[in-house]
Amino acid sequence: MHKGLCYNDISIDVNLSYMLIFKRLFLFVIALTIIAFSIAMSGLNNQEVVLDLYFFKLELSLGFIVVATLFSGLLVGLFIALFSFHIPLKSQLRKLNRSHVQLLQQKRLENSDD
């Protein structure tokens, strides 16, 4: 019976490794697509534009400005998601883990009293 359990654990590990490989491949294809899109956009929009930032002026290509704006918007969105979802969920998980440890300690004390 123990060998069957090990076999099932191994098959689960194999399935998870295939899923991990597929996930990495999918992310790699997405990254290559975004890079190709960025290069194409920069190549098609090669007009020079002046970006006036009040204290100084930059003369850059329109394609670079568009790609940089999209990338900075992505970063801002990721930070908003980090601060609005990930950090509160992480603190809630810490609280739940603390209460779980306390319940386990109480259960051990009750069992030791018996």
PDB file of N, CA and C in Angstrom:
ATOM      1  N   MET A   1       0.820  -1.198   0.000  1.00  0.00           N
ATOM      2  CA  MET A   1       0.000   0.000   0.000  1.00  0.00           C
ATOM      3  C   MET A   1       0.855   1.250   0.000  1.00  0.00           C
ATOM      4  N   HIS A   2       1.989   1.177   0.677  1.00  0.00           N
ATOM      5  CA  HIS A   2       2.867   2.339   0.738  1.00  0.00           C
ATOM      6  C   HIS A   2       3.448   2.656  -0.639  1.00  0.00           C
ATOM      7  N   LYS A   3       3.738   1.587  -1.439  1.00  0.00           N
ATOM      8  CA  LYS A   3       4.288   1.816  -2.778  1.00  0.00           C
ATOM      9  C   LYS A   3       3.280   2.539  -3.670  1.00  0.00           C
ATOM     10  N   GLY A   4       2.002   2.218  -3.524  1.00  0.00           N
ATOM     11  CA  GLY A   4       0.979   2.905  -4.306  1.00  0.00           C
ATOM     12  C   GLY A   4       0.925   4.379  -3.980  1.00  0.00           C
ATOM     13  N   LEU A   5       1.097   4.706  -2.706  1.00  0.00           N
ATOM     14  CA  LEU A   5       1.091   6.111  -2.290  1.00  0.00           C
ATOM     15  C   LEU A   5       2.262   6.844  -2.911  1.00  0.00           C
ATOM     16  N   CYS A   6       3.427   6.195  -2.897  1.00  0.00           N
ATOM     17  CA  CYS A   6       4.606   6.819  -3.501  1.00  0.00           C
ATOM     18  C   CYS A   6       4.400   6.997  -5.003  1.00  0.00           C
ATOM     19  N   TYR A   7       3.785   6.009  -5.652  1.00  0.00           N
ATOM     20  CA  TYR A   7       3.539   6.116  -7.082  1.00  0.00           C
ATOM     21  C   TYR A   7       2.629   7.294  -7.375  1.00  0.00           C
ATOM     22  N   ASN A   8       1.579   7.463  -6.579  1.00  0.00           N
ATOM     23  CA  ASN A   8       0.672   8.598  -6.786  1.00  0.00           C
ATOM     24  C   ASN A   8       1.388   9.915  -6.546  1.00  0.00           C
ATOM     25  N   ASP A   9       2.242   9.978  -5.531  1.00  0.00           N
ATOM     26  CA  ASP A   9       3.005  11.201  -5.278  1.00  0.00           C
ATOM     27  C   ASP A   9       3.914  11.524  -6.449  1.00  0.00           C
ATOM     28  N   ILE A  10       4.542  10.494  -7.014  1.00  0.00           N
ATOM     29  CA  ILE A  10       5.435  10.714  -8.154  1.00  0.00           C
ATOM     30  C   ILE A  10       4.642  11.194  -9.353  1.00  0.00           C
ATOM     31  N   SER A  11       3.479  10.616  -9.613  1.00  0.00           N
ATOM     32  CA  SER A  11       2.693  11.040 -10.769  1.00  0.00           C
ATOM     33  C   SER A  11       2.210  12.476 -10.590  1.00  0.00           C
ATOM     34  N   ILE A  12       1.882  12.848  -9.364  1.00  0.00           N
ATOM     35  CA  ILE A  12       1.477  14.240  -9.117  1.00  0.00           C
ATOM     36  C   ILE A  12       2.655  15.170  -9.357  1.00  0.00           C
ATOM     37  N   ASP A  13       3.858  14.774  -8.892  1.00  0.00           N
ATOM     38  CA  ASP A  13       5.044  15.598  -9.107  1.00  0.00           C
ATOM     39  C   ASP A  13       5.353  15.738 -10.590  1.00  0.00           C
ATOM     40  N   VAL A  14       5.174  14.669 -11.362  1.00  0.00           N
ATOM     41  CA  VAL A  14       5.420  14.720 -12.803  1.00  0.00           C
ATOM     42  C   VAL A  14       4.427  15.665 -13.463  1.00  0.00           C
ATOM     43  N   ASN A  15       3.148  15.577 -13.081  1.00  0.00           N
ATOM     44  CA  ASN A  15       2.150  16.469 -13.657  1.00  0.00           C
ATOM     45  C   ASN A  15       2.442  17.921 -13.303  1.00  0.00           C
ATOM     46  N   LEU A  16       2.878  18.172 -12.072  1.00  0.00           N
ATOM     47  CA  LEU A  16       3.215  19.535 -11.682  1.00  0.00           C
ATOM     48  C   LEU A  16       4.428  20.049 -12.441  1.00  0.00           C
ATOM     49  N   SER A  17       5.407  19.176 -12.698  1.00  0.00           N
ATOM     50  CA  SER A  17       6.581  19.631 -13.441  1.00  0.00           C
ATOM     51  C   SER A  17       6.209  19.949 -14.885  1.00  0.00           C
ATOM     52  N   TYR A  18       5.292  19.152 -15.483  1.00  0.00           N
ATOM     53  CA  TYR A  18       4.835  19.474 -16.833  1.00  0.00           C
ATOM     54  C   TYR A  18       4.095  20.805 -16.849  1.00  0.00           C
ATOM     55  N   MET A  19       3.300  21.041 -15.822  1.00  0.00           N
ATOM     56  CA  MET A  19       2.573  22.304 -15.748  1.00  0.00           C
ATOM     57  C   MET A  19       3.538  23.473 -15.574  1.00  0.00           C
ATOM     58  N   LEU A  20       4.595  23.283 -14.782  1.00  0.00           N
ATOM     59  CA  LEU A  20       5.582  24.330 -14.585  1.00  0.00           C
ATOM     60  C   LEU A  20       6.325  24.632 -15.884  1.00  0.00           C
ATOM     61  N   ILE A  21       6.690  23.589 -16.619  1.00  0.00           N
ATOM     62  CA  ILE A  21       7.354  23.780 -17.911  1.00  0.00           C
ATOM     63  C   ILE A  21       6.422  24.502 -18.880  1.00  0.00           C
ATOM     64  N   PHE A  22       5.152  24.097 -18.916  1.00  0.00           N
ATOM     65  CA  PHE A  22       4.185  24.742 -19.797  1.00  0.00           C
ATOM     66  C   PHE A  22       4.002  26.211 -19.411  1.00  0.00           C
ATOM     67  N   LYS A  23       3.933  26.502 -18.119  1.00  0.00           N
ATOM     68  CA  LYS A  23       3.773  27.880 -17.664  1.00  0.00           C
ATOM     69  C   LYS A  23       4.970  28.727 -18.077  1.00  0.00           C
ATOM     70  N   ARG A  24       6.168  28.196 -17.881  1.00  0.00           N
ATOM     71  CA  ARG A  24       7.380  28.943 -18.268  1.00  0.00           C
ATOM     72  C   ARG A  24       7.440  29.156 -19.774  1.00  0.00           C
ATOM     73  N   LEU A  25       7.073  28.148 -20.541  1.00  0.00           N
ATOM     74  CA  LEU A  25       7.057  28.284 -21.996  1.00  0.00           C
ATOM     75  C   LEU A  25       6.037  29.324 -22.430  1.00  0.00           C
ATOM     76  N   PHE A  26       4.854  29.293 -21.816  1.00  0.00           N
ATOM     77  CA  PHE A  26       3.811  30.258 -22.143  1.00  0.00           C
ATOM     78  C   PHE A  26       4.268  31.683 -21.821  1.00  0.00           C
ATOM     79  N   LEU A  27       4.874  31.884 -20.653  1.00  0.00           N
ATOM     80  CA  LEU A  27       5.372  33.214 -20.293  1.00  0.00           C
ATOM     81  C   LEU A  27       6.495  33.664 -21.219  1.00  0.00           C
ATOM     82  N   PHE A  28       7.345  32.730 -21.645  1.00  0.00           N
ATOM     83  CA  PHE A  28       8.418  33.057 -22.573  1.00  0.00           C
ATOM     84  C   PHE A  28       7.854  33.511 -23.916  1.00  0.00           C
ATOM     85  N   VAL A  29       6.837  32.819 -24.412  1.00  0.00           N
ATOM     86  CA  VAL A  29       6.202  33.200 -25.687  1.00  0.00           C
ATOM     87  C   VAL A  29       5.536  34.575 -25.553  1.00  0.00           C
ATOM     88  N   ILE A  30       4.870  34.820 -24.437  1.00  0.00           N
ATOM     89  CA  ILE A  30       4.244  36.126 -24.207  1.00  0.00           C
ATOM     90  C   ILE A  30       5.306  37.220 -24.179  1.00  0.00           C
ATOM     91  N   ALA A  31       6.429  36.968 -23.483  1.00  0.00           N
ATOM     92  CA  ALA A  31       7.506  37.964 -23.411  1.00  0.00           C
ATOM     93  C   ALA A  31       8.085  38.239 -24.797  1.00  0.00           C
ATOM     94  N   LEU A  32       8.304  37.191 -25.589  1.00  0.00           N
ATOM     95  CA  LEU A  32       8.818  37.392 -26.948  1.00  0.00           C
ATOM     96  C   LEU A  32       7.835  38.176 -27.810  1.00  0.00           C
ATOM     97  N   THR A  33       6.552  37.911 -27.648  1.00  0.00           N
ATOM     98  CA  THR A  33       5.536  38.646 -28.397  1.00  0.00           C
ATOM     99  C   THR A  33       5.549  40.123 -28.020  1.00  0.00           C
ATOM    100  N   ILE A  34       5.658  40.415 -26.747  1.00  0.00           N
ATOM    101  CA  ILE A  34       5.694  41.811 -26.295  1.00  0.00           C
ATOM    102  C   ILE A  34       6.948  42.509 -26.802  1.00  0.00           C
ATOM    103  N   ILE A  35       8.090  41.822 -26.775  1.00  0.00           N
ATOM    104  CA  ILE A  35       9.337  42.418 -27.282  1.00  0.00           C
ATOM    105  C   ILE A  35       9.229  42.681 -28.777  1.00  0.00           C
ATOM    106  N   ALA A  36       8.678  41.726 -29.538  1.00  0.00           N
ATOM    107  CA  ALA A  36       8.514  41.916 -30.982  1.00  0.00           C
ATOM    108  C   ALA A  36       7.555  43.068 -31.266  1.00  0.00           C
ATOM    109  N   PHE A  37       6.480  43.154 -30.504  1.00  0.00           N
ATOM    110  CA  PHE A  37       5.525  44.254 -30.660  1.00  0.00           C
ATOM    111  C   PHE A  37       6.187  45.595 -30.364  1.00  0.00           C
ATOM    112  N   SER A  38       7.010  45.638 -29.332  1.00  0.00           N
ATOM    113  CA  SER A  38       7.698  46.881 -28.969  1.00  0.00           C
ATOM    114  C   SER A  38       8.684  47.318 -30.050  1.00  0.00           C
ATOM    115  N   ILE A  39       9.425  46.359 -30.578  1.00  0.00           N
ATOM    116  CA  ILE A  39      10.386  46.681 -31.638  1.00  0.00           C
ATOM    117  C   ILE A  39       9.658  47.157 -32.888  1.00  0.00           C
ATOM    118  N   ALA A  40       8.558  46.497 -33.240  1.00  0.00           N
ATOM    119  CA  ALA A  40       7.790  46.907 -34.418  1.00  0.00           C
ATOM    120  C   ALA A  40       7.199  48.293 -34.226  1.00  0.00           C
ATOM    121  N   MET A  41       6.683  48.576 -33.035  1.00  0.00           N
ATOM    122  CA  MET A  41       6.099  49.889 -32.773  1.00  0.00           C
ATOM    123  C   MET A  41       7.165  50.980 -32.818  1.00  0.00           C
ATOM    124  N   SER A  42       8.333  50.682 -32.273  1.00  0.00           N
ATOM    125  CA  SER A  42       9.416  51.666 -32.315  1.00  0.00           C
ATOM    126  C   SER A  42       9.887  51.912 -33.743  1.00  0.00           C
ATOM    127  N   GLY A  43       9.915  50.857 -34.528  1.00  0.00           N
ATOM    128  CA  GLY A  43      10.350  51.017 -35.914  1.00  0.00           C
ATOM    129  C   GLY A  43       9.344  51.771 -36.767  1.00  0.00           C
ATOM    130  N   LEU A  44       8.052  51.582 -36.518  1.00  0.00           N
ATOM    131  CA  LEU A  44       7.028  52.252 -37.315  1.00  0.00           C
ATOM    132  C   LEU A  44       6.831  53.705 -36.902  1.00  0.00           C
ATOM    133  N   ASN A  45       7.107  54.022 -35.655  1.00  0.00           N
ATOM    134  CA  ASN A  45       6.922  55.388 -35.150  1.00  0.00           C
ATOM    135  C   ASN A  45       8.272  56.001 -34.796  1.00  0.00           C
ATOM    136  N   ASN A  46       9.066  56.273 -35.818  1.00  0.00           N
ATOM    137  CA  ASN A  46      10.413  56.774 -35.575  1.00  0.00           C
ATOM    138  C   ASN A  46      10.523  58.301 -35.677  1.00  0.00           C
ATOM    139  N   GLN A  47       9.399  58.998 -35.651  1.00  0.00           N
ATOM    140  CA  GLN A  47       9.448  60.451 -35.690  1.00  0.00           C
ATOM    141  C   GLN A  47      10.012  60.966 -34.357  1.00  0.00           C
ATOM    142  N   GLU A  48      10.800  62.018 -34.440  1.00  0.00           N
ATOM    143  CA  GLU A  48      11.366  62.616 -33.229  1.00  0.00           C
ATOM    144  C   GLU A  48      10.337  63.539 -32.597  1.00  0.00           C
ATOM    145  N   VAL A  49      10.193  63.420 -31.271  1.00  0.00           N
ATOM    146  CA  VAL A  49       9.266  64.271 -30.530  1.00  0.00           C
ATOM    147  C   VAL A  49      10.030  64.855 -29.348  1.00  0.00           C
ATOM    148  N   VAL A  50       9.618  66.051 -28.958  1.00  0.00           N
ATOM    149  CA  VAL A  50      10.227  66.685 -27.796  1.00  0.00           C
ATOM    150  C   VAL A  50       9.317  66.441 -26.598  1.00  0.00           C
ATOM    151  N   LEU A  51       9.887  65.842 -25.582  1.00  0.00           N
ATOM    152  CA  LEU A  51       9.165  65.586 -24.341  1.00  0.00           C
ATOM    153  C   LEU A  51       9.598  66.638 -23.332  1.00  0.00           C
ATOM    154  N   ASP A  52       8.695  67.567 -23.017  1.00  0.00           N
ATOM    155  CA  ASP A  52       9.008  68.671 -22.115  1.00  0.00           C
ATOM    156  C   ASP A  52       8.601  68.282 -20.702  1.00  0.00           C
ATOM    157  N   LEU A  53       9.589  68.122 -19.822  1.00  0.00           N
ATOM    158  CA  LEU A  53       9.341  67.728 -18.439  1.00  0.00           C
ATOM    159  C   LEU A  53       9.569  68.893 -17.479  1.00  0.00           C
ATOM    160  N   TYR A  54       9.267  70.068 -17.899  1.00  0.00           N
ATOM    161  CA  TYR A  54       9.318  71.324 -17.153  1.00  0.00           C
ATOM    162  C   TYR A  54      10.746  71.742 -16.824  1.00  0.00           C
ATOM    163  N   PHE A  55      11.535  70.882 -16.215  1.00  0.00           N
ATOM    164  CA  PHE A  55      12.906  71.261 -15.874  1.00  0.00           C
ATOM    165  C   PHE A  55      13.876  70.965 -17.000  1.00  0.00           C
ATOM    166  N   PHE A  56      13.558  70.014 -17.833  1.00  0.00           N
ATOM    167  CA  PHE A  56      14.417  69.699 -18.974  1.00  0.00           C
ATOM    168  C   PHE A  56      13.573  69.113 -20.093  1.00  0.00           C
ATOM    169  N   LYS A  57      14.153  69.104 -21.278  1.00  0.00           N
ATOM    170  CA  LYS A  57      13.458  68.596 -22.459  1.00  0.00           C
ATOM    171  C   LYS A  57      14.241  67.416 -23.011  1.00  0.00           C
ATOM    172  N   LEU A  58      13.499  66.405 -23.434  1.00  0.00           N
ATOM    173  CA  LEU A  58      14.102  65.231 -24.054  1.00  0.00           C
ATOM    174  C   LEU A  58      13.595  65.115 -25.485  1.00  0.00           C
ATOM    175  N   GLU A  59      14.500  64.806 -26.391  1.00  0.00           N
ATOM    176  CA  GLU A  59      14.101  64.559 -27.772  1.00  0.00           C
ATOM    177  C   GLU A  59      14.248  63.065 -28.035  1.00  0.00           C
ATOM    178  N   LEU A  60      13.113  62.391 -28.128  1.00  0.00           N
ATOM    179  CA  LEU A  60      13.082  60.934 -28.276  1.00  0.00           C
ATOM    180  C   LEU A  60      12.175  60.551 -29.431  1.00  0.00           C
ATOM    181  N   SER A  61      12.276  59.301 -29.858  1.00  0.00           N
ATOM    182  CA  SER A  61      11.382  58.835 -30.915  1.00  0.00           C
ATOM    183  C   SER A  61       9.998  58.554 -30.329  1.00  0.00           C
ATOM    184  N   LEU A  62       8.979  58.730 -31.144  1.00  0.00           N
ATOM    185  CA  LEU A  62       7.605  58.535 -30.700  1.00  0.00           C
ATOM    186  C   LEU A  62       7.363  57.087 -30.256  1.00  0.00           C
ATOM    187  N   GLY A  63       7.938  56.142 -30.979  1.00  0.00           N
ATOM    188  CA  GLY A  63       7.772  54.728 -30.625  1.00  0.00           C
ATOM    189  C   GLY A  63       8.338  54.414 -29.252  1.00  0.00           C
ATOM    190  N   PHE A  64       9.513  54.992 -28.951  1.00  0.00           N
ATOM    191  CA  PHE A  64      10.118  54.762 -27.639  1.00  0.00           C
ATOM    192  C   PHE A  64       9.251  55.345 -26.535  1.00  0.00           C
ATOM    193  N   ILE A  65       8.712  56.517 -26.754  1.00  0.00           N
ATOM    194  CA  ILE A  65       7.858  57.154 -25.742  1.00  0.00           C
ATOM    195  C   ILE A  65       6.598  56.325 -25.507  1.00  0.00           C
ATOM    196  N   VAL A  66       5.999  55.811 -26.588  1.00  0.00           N
ATOM    197  CA  VAL A  66       4.781  55.003 -26.444  1.00  0.00           C
ATOM    198  C   VAL A  66       5.087  53.709 -25.682  1.00  0.00           C
ATOM    199  N   VAL A  67       6.177  53.027 -26.039  1.00  0.00           N
ATOM    200  CA  VAL A  67       6.550  51.781 -25.361  1.00  0.00           C
ATOM    201  C   VAL A  67       6.903  52.056 -23.897  1.00  0.00           C
ATOM    202  N   ALA A  68       7.637  53.126 -23.620  1.00  0.00           N
ATOM    203  CA  ALA A  68       7.991  53.474 -22.244  1.00  0.00           C
ATOM    204  C   ALA A  68       6.746  53.817 -21.433  1.00  0.00           C
ATOM    205  N   THR A  69       5.778  54.491 -22.055  1.00  0.00           N
ATOM    206  CA  THR A  69       4.530  54.812 -21.356  1.00  0.00           C
ATOM    207  C   THR A  69       3.737  53.547 -21.035  1.00  0.00           C
ATOM    208  N   LEU A  70       3.661  52.620 -21.990  1.00  0.00           N
ATOM    209  CA  LEU A  70       2.966  51.360 -21.740  1.00  0.00           C
ATOM    210  C   LEU A  70       3.654  50.558 -20.636  1.00  0.00           C
ATOM    211  N   PHE A  71       4.973  50.535 -20.656  1.00  0.00           N
ATOM    212  CA  PHE A  71       5.721  49.797 -19.643  1.00  0.00           C
ATOM    213  C   PHE A  71       5.555  50.426 -18.262  1.00  0.00           C
ATOM    214  N   SER A  72       5.599  51.758 -18.194  1.00  0.00           N
ATOM    215  CA  SER A  72       5.411  52.406 -16.888  1.00  0.00           C
ATOM    216  C   SER A  72       3.980  52.201 -16.381  1.00  0.00           C
ATOM    217  N   GLY A  73       3.002  52.182 -17.267  1.00  0.00           N
ATOM    218  CA  GLY A  73       1.632  51.882 -16.864  1.00  0.00           C
ATOM    219  C   GLY A  73       1.497  50.469 -16.326  1.00  0.00           C
ATOM    220  N   LEU A  74       2.205  49.529 -16.936  1.00  0.00           N
ATOM    221  CA  LEU A  74       2.219  48.156 -16.444  1.00  0.00           C
ATOM    222  C   LEU A  74       2.816  48.082 -15.048  1.00  0.00           C
ATOM    223  N   LEU A  75       3.928  48.784 -14.831  1.00  0.00           N
ATOM    224  CA  LEU A  75       4.558  48.794 -13.508  1.00  0.00           C
ATOM    225  C   LEU A  75       3.654  49.413 -12.457  1.00  0.00           C
ATOM    226  N   VAL A  76       2.994  50.523 -12.792  1.00  0.00           N
ATOM    227  CA  VAL A  76       2.073  51.165 -11.842  1.00  0.00           C
ATOM    228  C   VAL A  76       0.927  50.213 -11.505  1.00  0.00           C
ATOM    229  N   GLY A  77       0.389  49.527 -12.504  1.00  0.00           N
ATOM    230  CA  GLY A  77      -0.679  48.569 -12.272  1.00  0.00           C
ATOM    231  C   GLY A  77      -0.239  47.414 -11.386  1.00  0.00           C
ATOM    232  N   LEU A  78       0.992  46.933 -11.587  1.00  0.00           N
ATOM    233  CA  LEU A  78       1.511  45.854 -10.746  1.00  0.00           C
ATOM    234  C   LEU A  78       1.682  46.309  -9.296  1.00  0.00           C
ATOM    235  N   PHE A  79       2.170  47.537  -9.095  1.00  0.00           N
ATOM    236  CA  PHE A  79       2.317  48.053  -7.730  1.00  0.00           C
ATOM    237  C   PHE A  79       0.961  48.243  -7.062  1.00  0.00           C
ATOM    238  N   ILE A  80      -0.016  48.715  -7.811  1.00  0.00           N
ATOM    239  CA  ILE A  80      -1.362  48.866  -7.244  1.00  0.00           C
ATOM    240  C   ILE A  80      -1.908  47.496  -6.841  1.00  0.00           C
ATOM    241  N   ALA A  81      -1.717  46.500  -7.697  1.00  0.00           N
ATOM    242  CA  ALA A  81      -2.175  45.145  -7.357  1.00  0.00           C
ATOM    243  C   ALA A  81      -1.428  44.608  -6.141  1.00  0.00           C
ATOM    244  N   LEU A  82      -0.138  44.911  -6.058  1.00  0.00           N
ATOM    245  CA  LEU A  82       0.648  44.447  -4.923  1.00  0.00           C
ATOM    246  C   LEU A  82       0.124  45.032  -3.622  1.00  0.00           C
ATOM    247  N   PHE A  83      -0.126  46.328  -3.607  1.00  0.00           N
ATOM    248  CA  PHE A  83      -0.534  46.979  -2.374  1.00  0.00           C
ATOM    249  C   PHE A  83      -2.012  46.764  -2.053  1.00  0.00           C
ATOM    250  N   SER A  84      -2.834  46.499  -3.043  1.00  0.00           N
ATOM    251  CA  SER A  84      -4.254  46.351  -2.742  1.00  0.00           C
ATOM    252  C   SER A  84      -4.686  44.896  -2.553  1.00  0.00           C
ATOM    253  N   PHE A  85      -3.919  43.934  -3.074  1.00  0.00           N
ATOM    254  CA  PHE A  85      -4.320  42.533  -2.958  1.00  0.00           C
ATOM    255  C   PHE A  85      -3.301  41.695  -2.190  1.00  0.00           C
ATOM    256  N   HIS A  86      -2.068  41.716  -2.629  1.00  0.00           N
ATOM    257  CA  HIS A  86      -1.070  40.790  -2.106  1.00  0.00           C
ATOM    258  C   HIS A  86      -0.726  41.066  -0.641  1.00  0.00           C
ATOM    259  N   ILE A  87      -0.438  42.290  -0.303  1.00  0.00           N
ATOM    260  CA  ILE A  87      -0.014  42.609   1.062  1.00  0.00           C
ATOM    261  C   ILE A  87      -1.131  42.377   2.073  1.00  0.00           C
ATOM    262  N   PRO A  88      -2.386  42.819   1.825  1.00  0.00           N
ATOM    263  CA  PRO A  88      -3.444  42.486   2.797  1.00  0.00           C
ATOM    264  C   PRO A  88      -3.684  40.982   2.943  1.00  0.00           C
ATOM    265  N   LEU A  89      -3.612  40.232   1.845  1.00  0.00           N
ATOM    266  CA  LEU A  89      -3.798  38.785   1.931  1.00  0.00           C
ATOM    267  C   LEU A  89      -2.661  38.127   2.701  1.00  0.00           C
ATOM    268  N   LYS A  90      -1.449  38.655   2.535  1.00  0.00           N
ATOM    269  CA  LYS A  90      -0.311  38.105   3.259  1.00  0.00           C
ATOM    270  C   LYS A  90      -0.452  38.350   4.758  1.00  0.00           C
ATOM    271  N   SER A  91      -0.915  39.544   5.159  1.00  0.00           N
ATOM    272  CA  SER A  91      -1.107  39.815   6.584  1.00  0.00           C
ATOM    273  C   SER A  91      -2.241  38.964   7.148  1.00  0.00           C
ATOM    274  N   GLN A  92      -3.288  38.751   6.372  1.00  0.00           N
ATOM    275  CA  GLN A  92      -4.386  37.895   6.817  1.00  0.00           C
ATOM    276  C   GLN A  92      -3.897  36.453   6.991  1.00  0.00           C
ATOM    277  N   LEU A  93      -3.046  35.989   6.099  1.00  0.00           N
ATOM    278  CA  LEU A  93      -2.489  34.643   6.214  1.00  0.00           C
ATOM    279  C   LEU A  93      -1.641  34.509   7.474  1.00  0.00           C
ATOM    280  N   ARG A  94      -0.848  35.539   7.800  1.00  0.00           N
ATOM    281  CA  ARG A  94      -0.063  35.507   9.036  1.00  0.00           C
ATOM    282  C   ARG A  94      -0.971  35.409  10.257  1.00  0.00           C
ATOM    283  N   LYS A  95      -2.058  36.195  10.277  1.00  0.00           N
ATOM    284  CA  LYS A  95      -2.997  36.141  11.397  1.00  0.00           C
ATOM    285  C   LYS A  95      -3.622  34.756  11.521  1.00  0.00           C
ATOM    286  N   LEU A  96      -4.030  34.184  10.397  1.00  0.00           N
ATOM    287  CA  LEU A  96      -4.640  32.858  10.421  1.00  0.00           C
ATOM    288  C   LEU A  96      -3.641  31.792  10.874  1.00  0.00           C
ATOM    289  N   ASN A  97      -2.388  31.920  10.447  1.00  0.00           N
ATOM    290  CA  ASN A  97      -1.372  30.970  10.886  1.00  0.00           C
ATOM    291  C   ASN A  97      -1.149  31.073  12.393  1.00  0.00           C
ATOM    292  N   ARG A  98      -1.131  32.308  12.919  1.00  0.00           N
ATOM    293  CA  ARG A  98      -0.977  32.496  14.361  1.00  0.00           C
ATOM    294  C   ARG A  98      -2.127  31.848  15.123  1.00  0.00           C
ATOM    295  N   SER A  99      -3.350  32.078  14.664  1.00  0.00           N
ATOM    296  CA  SER A  99      -4.498  31.492  15.354  1.00  0.00           C
ATOM    297  C   SER A  99      -4.496  29.968  15.220  1.00  0.00           C
ATOM    298  N   HIS A 100      -4.025  29.460  14.088  1.00  0.00           N
ATOM    299  CA  HIS A 100      -3.925  28.010  13.899  1.00  0.00           C
ATOM    300  C   HIS A 100      -2.923  27.410  14.887  1.00  0.00           C
ATOM    301  N   VAL A 101      -1.787  28.057  15.065  1.00  0.00           N
ATOM    302  CA  VAL A 101      -0.776  27.578  16.010  1.00  0.00           C
ATOM    303  C   VAL A 101      -1.337  27.612  17.428  1.00  0.00           C
ATOM    304  N   GLN A 102      -2.067  28.659  17.767  1.00  0.00           N
ATOM    305  CA  GLN A 102      -2.668  28.745  19.104  1.00  0.00           C
ATOM    306  C   GLN A 102      -3.688  27.630  19.321  1.00  0.00           C
ATOM    307  N   LEU A 103      -4.492  27.340  18.318  1.00  0.00           N
ATOM    308  CA  LEU A 103      -5.465  26.250  18.438  1.00  0.00           C
ATOM    309  C   LEU A 103      -4.780  24.897  18.596  1.00  0.00           C
ATOM    310  N   LEU A 104      -3.702  24.696  17.863  1.00  0.00           N
ATOM    311  CA  LEU A 104      -2.951  23.441  18.000  1.00  0.00           C
ATOM    312  C   LEU A 104      -2.357  23.314  19.391  1.00  0.00           C
ATOM    313  N   GLN A 105      -1.839  24.414  19.935  1.00  0.00           N
ATOM    314  CA  GLN A 105      -1.283  24.371  21.289  1.00  0.00           C
ATOM    315  C   GLN A 105      -2.375  24.083  22.319  1.00  0.00           C
ATOM    316  N   GLN A 106      -3.541  24.683  22.152  1.00  0.00           N
ATOM    317  CA  GLN A 106      -4.645  24.415  23.066  1.00  0.00           C
ATOM    318  C   GLN A 106      -5.077  22.952  22.989  1.00  0.00           C
ATOM    319  N   LYS A 107      -5.102  22.424  21.774  1.00  0.00           N
ATOM    320  CA  LYS A 107      -5.501  21.025  21.590  1.00  0.00           C
ATOM    321  C   LYS A 107      -4.491  20.091  22.247  1.00  0.00           C
ATOM    322  N   ARG A 108      -3.206  20.403  22.140  1.00  0.00           N
ATOM    323  CA  ARG A 108      -2.177  19.583  22.784  1.00  0.00           C
ATOM    324  C   ARG A 108      -2.307  19.633  24.294  1.00  0.00           C
ATOM    325  N   LEU A 109      -2.601  20.837  24.822  1.00  0.00           N
ATOM    326  CA  LEU A 109      -2.782  20.956  26.267  1.00  0.00           C
ATOM    327  C   LEU A 109      -3.982  20.145  26.744  1.00  0.00           C
ATOM    328  N   GLU A 110      -5.061  20.182  25.994  1.00  0.00           N
ATOM    329  CA  GLU A 110      -6.250  19.405  26.340  1.00  0.00           C
ATOM    330  C   GLU A 110      -5.971  17.911  26.291  1.00  0.00           C
ATOM    331  N   ASN A 111      -5.202  17.478  25.280  1.00  0.00           N
ATOM    332  CA  ASN A 111      -4.876  16.061  25.164  1.00  0.00           C
ATOM    333  C   ASN A 111      -3.907  15.621  26.252  1.00  0.00           C
ATOM    334  N   SER A 112      -3.005  16.492  26.645  1.00  0.00           N
ATOM    335  CA  SER A 112      -2.062  16.133  27.702  1.00  0.00           C
ATOM    336  C   SER A 112      -2.738  16.071  29.059  1.00  0.00           C
ATOM    337  N   ASP A 113      -3.825  16.833  29.253  1.00  0.00           N
ATOM    338  CA  ASP A 113      -4.569  16.787  30.517  1.00  0.00           C
ATOM    339  C   ASP A 113      -5.338  15.485  30.668  1.00  0.00           C
ATOM    340  N   ASP A 114      -5.721  14.882  29.551  1.00  0.00           N
ATOM    341  CA  ASP A 114      -6.512  13.628  29.606  1.00  0.00           C
ATOM    342  C   ASP A 114      -5.696  12.482  30.014  1.00  0.00           C
TER     343      ASP A 114
END
